Amino acid sequence: SQTISPSSSPVASPVVCKDDPTWHRSSNADQTCDSVALYPNWRCGWTGADGTTASEACKVACDTCPVAPAPTPSPSNNPTKSPTKDPVTSNPTNDPSASPTES
């Protein structure tokens, strides 16, 4: 038996996307997500027997799968003790000007 070490950073859960195998159109039990997939442009608006629309229940057929969030970047290095860049101007003012000035 092999022990798997934990990852060094959190890993997002995969986004599961599938059609609901129990969904069918309210007016015709034979019209399922497979039927919706044939003409999704107008069938994704159908209402199911359970009150959900085809676009909600038939995510693959209607191309309405949620998009996985982008992974967050790795943490930055440890902070420095002092700023690393020089001031923008060599002669900053102590007090703000009374009104905006043009540059």
N, C-alpha and C. Protein backbone atom coordinates (compact mmCIF):
# COMPACT_ATOMS: atom_id res chain seq x y z
N SER A 1 0.85 -1.18 0.00
CA SER A 1 0.00 0.00 0.00
C SER A 1 0.89 1.24 0.00
N GLN A 2 0.51 2.23 -0.81
CA GLN A 2 1.31 3.44 -0.94
C GLN A 2 0.55 4.60 -0.32
N THR A 3 1.24 5.39 0.47
CA THR A 3 0.63 6.57 1.08
C THR A 3 0.91 7.76 0.18
N ILE A 4 -0.15 8.51 -0.12
CA ILE A 4 -0.01 9.68 -0.98
C ILE A 4 0.15 10.90 -0.08
N SER A 5 1.20 11.67 -0.34
CA SER A 5 1.45 12.88 0.44
C SER A 5 0.47 13.96 0.03
N PRO A 6 0.11 14.85 0.96
CA PRO A 6 -0.78 15.95 0.57
C PRO A 6 -0.07 16.91 -0.37
N SER A 7 -0.85 17.62 -1.17
CA SER A 7 -0.26 18.60 -2.08
C SER A 7 0.27 19.77 -1.27
N SER A 8 1.15 20.56 -1.87
CA SER A 8 1.74 21.70 -1.17
C SER A 8 0.79 22.89 -1.10
N SER A 9 -0.22 22.90 -1.94
CA SER A 9 -1.20 23.99 -1.91
C SER A 9 -2.58 23.40 -2.17
N PRO A 10 -3.63 24.14 -1.81
CA PRO A 10 -4.98 23.62 -2.03
C PRO A 10 -5.23 23.34 -3.51
N VAL A 11 -6.02 22.32 -3.76
CA VAL A 11 -6.37 21.94 -5.13
C VAL A 11 -7.88 22.07 -5.25
N ALA A 12 -8.34 22.77 -6.29
CA ALA A 12 -9.77 22.96 -6.48
C ALA A 12 -10.44 21.64 -6.85
N SER A 13 -11.65 21.47 -6.37
CA SER A 13 -12.43 20.29 -6.73
C SER A 13 -12.81 20.41 -8.20
N PRO A 14 -12.82 19.30 -8.91
CA PRO A 14 -13.21 19.38 -10.32
C PRO A 14 -14.68 19.77 -10.44
N VAL A 15 -14.99 20.51 -11.47
CA VAL A 15 -16.36 20.91 -11.73
C VAL A 15 -17.04 19.76 -12.46
N VAL A 16 -18.10 19.23 -11.85
CA VAL A 16 -18.81 18.12 -12.46
C VAL A 16 -19.91 18.69 -13.35
N CYS A 17 -19.93 18.22 -14.57
CA CYS A 17 -20.92 18.69 -15.50
C CYS A 17 -21.51 17.50 -16.23
N LYS A 18 -22.81 17.30 -16.04
CA LYS A 18 -23.48 16.21 -16.74
C LYS A 18 -24.94 16.54 -16.89
N ASP A 19 -25.57 15.86 -17.81
CA ASP A 19 -27.01 16.00 -17.99
C ASP A 19 -27.73 15.19 -16.93
N ASP A 20 -28.86 15.69 -16.45
CA ASP A 20 -29.67 14.99 -15.47
C ASP A 20 -30.39 13.83 -16.17
N PRO A 21 -30.07 12.60 -15.80
CA PRO A 21 -30.69 11.45 -16.49
C PRO A 21 -32.18 11.30 -16.19
N THR A 22 -32.69 12.00 -15.18
CA THR A 22 -34.11 11.87 -14.85
C THR A 22 -34.97 12.98 -15.45
N TRP A 23 -34.34 14.00 -16.03
CA TRP A 23 -35.10 15.13 -16.56
C TRP A 23 -35.83 14.73 -17.84
N HIS A 24 -37.06 15.21 -17.95
CA HIS A 24 -37.80 15.09 -19.21
C HIS A 24 -38.75 16.27 -19.31
N ARG A 25 -39.17 16.55 -20.53
CA ARG A 25 -40.04 17.68 -20.78
C ARG A 25 -41.39 17.45 -20.12
N SER A 26 -41.99 18.52 -19.63
CA SER A 26 -43.26 18.40 -18.90
C SER A 26 -44.39 17.87 -19.78
N SER A 27 -44.37 18.21 -21.06
CA SER A 27 -45.46 17.79 -21.94
C SER A 27 -45.20 16.47 -22.66
N ASN A 28 -43.98 15.89 -22.50
CA ASN A 28 -43.68 14.65 -23.20
C ASN A 28 -42.51 13.95 -22.49
N ALA A 29 -42.80 12.86 -21.80
CA ALA A 29 -41.78 12.14 -21.03
C ALA A 29 -40.70 11.52 -21.90
N ASP A 30 -40.95 11.39 -23.20
CA ASP A 30 -39.94 10.83 -24.11
C ASP A 30 -38.90 11.87 -24.52
N GLN A 31 -39.16 13.12 -24.25
CA GLN A 31 -38.21 14.18 -24.62
C GLN A 31 -37.30 14.46 -23.43
N THR A 32 -36.10 13.90 -23.50
CA THR A 32 -35.10 13.99 -22.44
C THR A 32 -33.96 14.91 -22.88
N CYS A 33 -32.90 14.93 -22.11
CA CYS A 33 -31.73 15.74 -22.48
C CYS A 33 -31.15 15.29 -23.82
N ASP A 34 -31.30 14.02 -24.15
CA ASP A 34 -30.84 13.56 -25.47
C ASP A 34 -31.61 14.26 -26.58
N SER A 35 -32.91 14.47 -26.38
CA SER A 35 -33.72 15.20 -27.36
C SER A 35 -33.30 16.66 -27.43
N VAL A 36 -33.03 17.23 -26.29
CA VAL A 36 -32.61 18.64 -26.22
C VAL A 36 -31.30 18.82 -27.00
N ALA A 37 -30.39 17.86 -26.88
CA ALA A 37 -29.08 17.96 -27.53
C ALA A 37 -29.17 18.03 -29.05
N LEU A 38 -30.25 17.52 -29.61
CA LEU A 38 -30.41 17.54 -31.07
C LEU A 38 -30.61 18.96 -31.61
N TYR A 39 -31.33 19.79 -30.89
CA TYR A 39 -31.61 21.16 -31.29
C TYR A 39 -31.54 22.08 -30.06
N PRO A 40 -30.36 22.23 -29.49
CA PRO A 40 -30.25 22.98 -28.24
C PRO A 40 -30.66 24.46 -28.34
N ASN A 41 -30.48 25.07 -29.51
CA ASN A 41 -30.78 26.50 -29.62
C ASN A 41 -32.20 26.83 -29.22
N TRP A 42 -33.15 25.97 -29.52
CA TRP A 42 -34.52 26.28 -29.12
C TRP A 42 -35.08 25.31 -28.09
N ARG A 43 -34.47 24.15 -27.88
CA ARG A 43 -35.00 23.21 -26.91
C ARG A 43 -34.48 23.45 -25.48
N CYS A 44 -33.43 24.19 -25.32
CA CYS A 44 -32.91 24.46 -23.97
C CYS A 44 -33.87 25.31 -23.15
N GLY A 45 -34.84 25.91 -23.79
CA GLY A 45 -35.85 26.69 -23.08
C GLY A 45 -37.04 25.85 -22.61
N TRP A 46 -37.09 24.59 -22.98
CA TRP A 46 -38.19 23.72 -22.55
C TRP A 46 -38.23 23.63 -21.03
N THR A 47 -39.43 23.46 -20.50
CA THR A 47 -39.60 23.27 -19.06
C THR A 47 -39.82 21.79 -18.78
N GLY A 48 -39.16 21.30 -17.75
CA GLY A 48 -39.27 19.90 -17.38
C GLY A 48 -40.44 19.65 -16.45
N ALA A 49 -40.74 18.39 -16.24
CA ALA A 49 -41.83 17.98 -15.35
C ALA A 49 -41.59 18.46 -13.93
N ASP A 50 -40.32 18.63 -13.55
CA ASP A 50 -40.00 19.09 -12.20
C ASP A 50 -39.93 20.61 -12.09
N GLY A 51 -40.21 21.32 -13.19
CA GLY A 51 -40.21 22.78 -13.18
C GLY A 51 -38.90 23.42 -13.59
N THR A 52 -37.84 22.63 -13.72
CA THR A 52 -36.56 23.19 -14.16
C THR A 52 -36.53 23.27 -15.68
N THR A 53 -35.75 24.21 -16.18
CA THR A 53 -35.61 24.31 -17.63
C THR A 53 -34.56 23.32 -18.10
N ALA A 54 -34.61 23.03 -19.38
CA ALA A 54 -33.61 22.13 -19.95
C ALA A 54 -32.21 22.71 -19.78
N SER A 55 -32.06 24.02 -19.88
CA SER A 55 -30.71 24.60 -19.72
C SER A 55 -30.16 24.39 -18.32
N GLU A 56 -31.03 24.25 -17.32
CA GLU A 56 -30.58 23.96 -15.95
C GLU A 56 -30.25 22.48 -15.77
N ALA A 57 -31.06 21.61 -16.35
CA ALA A 57 -30.91 20.17 -16.13
C ALA A 57 -30.01 19.49 -17.15
N CYS A 58 -29.96 20.02 -18.35
CA CYS A 58 -29.19 19.40 -19.44
C CYS A 58 -27.97 20.26 -19.72
N LYS A 59 -27.08 20.32 -18.76
CA LYS A 59 -25.93 21.23 -18.83
C LYS A 59 -24.99 20.91 -19.99
N VAL A 60 -24.78 19.63 -20.30
CA VAL A 60 -23.92 19.26 -21.42
C VAL A 60 -24.63 19.58 -22.73
N ALA A 61 -25.88 19.17 -22.84
CA ALA A 61 -26.65 19.39 -24.07
C ALA A 61 -26.78 20.87 -24.39
N CYS A 62 -26.95 21.69 -23.36
CA CYS A 62 -27.17 23.13 -23.56
C CYS A 62 -25.90 23.97 -23.40
N ASP A 63 -24.78 23.32 -23.14
CA ASP A 63 -23.51 24.02 -22.96
C ASP A 63 -23.61 25.07 -21.86
N THR A 64 -24.20 24.66 -20.72
CA THR A 64 -24.34 25.58 -19.59
C THR A 64 -23.55 25.09 -18.37
N CYS A 65 -22.52 24.34 -18.61
CA CYS A 65 -21.69 23.86 -17.51
C CYS A 65 -21.01 25.05 -16.84
N PRO A 66 -20.91 25.03 -15.52
CA PRO A 66 -20.21 26.13 -14.86
C PRO A 66 -18.74 26.11 -15.23
N VAL A 67 -18.17 27.28 -15.28
CA VAL A 67 -16.76 27.42 -15.60
C VAL A 67 -15.97 27.29 -14.30
N ALA A 68 -14.94 26.47 -14.33
CA ALA A 68 -14.10 26.29 -13.15
C ALA A 68 -13.37 27.61 -12.87
N PRO A 69 -13.31 28.02 -11.61
CA PRO A 69 -12.57 29.24 -11.31
C PRO A 69 -11.09 29.06 -11.59
N ALA A 70 -10.47 30.14 -11.98
CA ALA A 70 -9.03 30.09 -12.25
C ALA A 70 -8.29 29.85 -10.94
N PRO A 71 -7.23 29.08 -10.98
CA PRO A 71 -6.48 28.85 -9.73
C PRO A 71 -5.86 30.15 -9.26
N THR A 72 -5.73 30.26 -7.97
CA THR A 72 -5.10 31.45 -7.41
C THR A 72 -3.60 31.33 -7.56
N PRO A 73 -2.92 32.45 -7.74
CA PRO A 73 -1.46 32.39 -7.88
C PRO A 73 -0.83 31.93 -6.57
N SER A 74 0.37 31.42 -6.69
CA SER A 74 1.10 31.01 -5.50
C SER A 74 1.38 32.23 -4.64
N PRO A 75 1.52 32.05 -3.35
CA PRO A 75 1.82 33.20 -2.48
C PRO A 75 3.13 33.86 -2.89
N SER A 76 3.22 35.16 -2.64
CA SER A 76 4.45 35.88 -2.96
C SER A 76 5.54 35.50 -1.96
N ASN A 77 6.76 35.94 -2.27
CA ASN A 77 7.87 35.72 -1.34
C ASN A 77 7.61 36.48 -0.05
N ASN A 78 8.41 36.22 0.94
CA ASN A 78 8.25 36.94 2.20
C ASN A 78 8.41 38.43 1.97
N PRO A 79 7.66 39.26 2.71
CA PRO A 79 7.77 40.70 2.50
C PRO A 79 9.15 41.22 2.88
N THR A 80 9.53 42.29 2.22
CA THR A 80 10.81 42.92 2.56
C THR A 80 10.61 43.85 3.75
N LYS A 81 11.71 44.20 4.40
CA LYS A 81 11.61 45.08 5.58
C LYS A 81 11.41 46.53 5.20
N SER A 82 11.82 46.92 3.99
CA SER A 82 11.66 48.29 3.55
C SER A 82 11.24 48.30 2.08
N PRO A 83 10.72 49.43 1.61
CA PRO A 83 10.31 49.49 0.20
C PRO A 83 11.48 49.18 -0.73
N THR A 84 11.17 48.63 -1.87
CA THR A 84 12.22 48.24 -2.80
C THR A 84 12.36 49.19 -3.99
N LYS A 85 11.44 50.15 -4.13
CA LYS A 85 11.53 51.09 -5.24
C LYS A 85 11.73 52.50 -4.71
N ASP A 86 12.42 53.31 -5.51
CA ASP A 86 12.63 54.71 -5.15
C ASP A 86 11.32 55.47 -5.30
N PRO A 87 11.17 56.61 -4.58
CA PRO A 87 9.96 57.42 -4.75
C PRO A 87 9.81 57.86 -6.21
N VAL A 88 8.57 58.15 -6.60
CA VAL A 88 8.28 58.57 -7.97
C VAL A 88 8.96 59.89 -8.30
N THR A 89 9.03 60.77 -7.35
CA THR A 89 9.68 62.06 -7.56
C THR A 89 10.78 62.23 -6.51
N SER A 90 11.79 62.98 -6.86
CA SER A 90 12.90 63.15 -5.91
C SER A 90 12.59 64.23 -4.88
N ASN A 91 11.53 65.00 -5.10
CA ASN A 91 11.23 66.11 -4.21
C ASN A 91 9.74 66.09 -3.86
N PRO A 92 9.26 65.11 -3.09
CA PRO A 92 7.82 65.07 -2.79
C PRO A 92 7.43 66.19 -1.84
N THR A 93 6.18 66.63 -1.94
CA THR A 93 5.69 67.68 -1.04
C THR A 93 5.25 67.07 0.27
N ASN A 94 5.27 67.87 1.32
CA ASN A 94 4.83 67.40 2.62
C ASN A 94 3.31 67.46 2.74
N ASP A 95 2.72 68.49 2.13
CA ASP A 95 1.27 68.68 2.21
C ASP A 95 0.67 68.55 0.81
N PRO A 96 -0.55 68.06 0.71
CA PRO A 96 -1.17 68.01 -0.61
C PRO A 96 -1.52 69.40 -1.10
N SER A 97 -1.59 69.57 -2.40
CA SER A 97 -1.95 70.87 -2.95
C SER A 97 -3.43 71.14 -2.70
N ALA A 98 -3.80 72.40 -2.80
CA ALA A 98 -5.19 72.78 -2.52
C ALA A 98 -6.13 72.22 -3.58
N SER A 99 -5.69 72.16 -4.79
CA SER A 99 -6.53 71.63 -5.86
C SER A 99 -5.65 70.83 -6.80
N PRO A 100 -6.23 70.01 -7.64
CA PRO A 100 -5.40 69.20 -8.54
C PRO A 100 -4.55 70.09 -9.44
N THR A 101 -3.36 69.63 -9.72
CA THR A 101 -2.46 70.36 -10.60
C THR A 101 -2.26 69.57 -11.88
N GLU A 102 -1.93 70.27 -12.94
CA GLU A 102 -1.67 69.59 -14.19
C GLU A 102 -0.22 69.14 -14.23
N SER A 103 0.00 68.03 -14.92
CA SER A 103 1.39 67.57 -15.02
C SER A 103 1.91 67.72 -16.42
